[in-house]
């Protein structure tokens, strides 16, 4: 069956969980390397952390700041599936909020 890295053909991936924390929720995400730490350290990890900041901003309703974070992450690691996926969630959240206002 192979490892997650082998099955996905990935250089790195993001793991995470949603946990209940008091009255709200906490998202815990972590970037895992599939081998080459140099690219992970240089591109993917910083982009993932920028996206995580964007997710946090989106959760608190700061959607313009969230979108800026997502766009910055995409510039840093445009070919990362995980970075693109997190950015897509941020963009979707902003689109949903805009739709509700109409």
Foldseek 3Di string as FASTA:
>chain_A
DDDPCVVVVDQKAKDWDWAADVPRIDIDIDIGGPDPVVCCVQFVVVLVVLLVVLVVCLVVPVLVSSLVSLVVSCVRPVPHPRSVVSNVVSVVSVVVVVVVVD
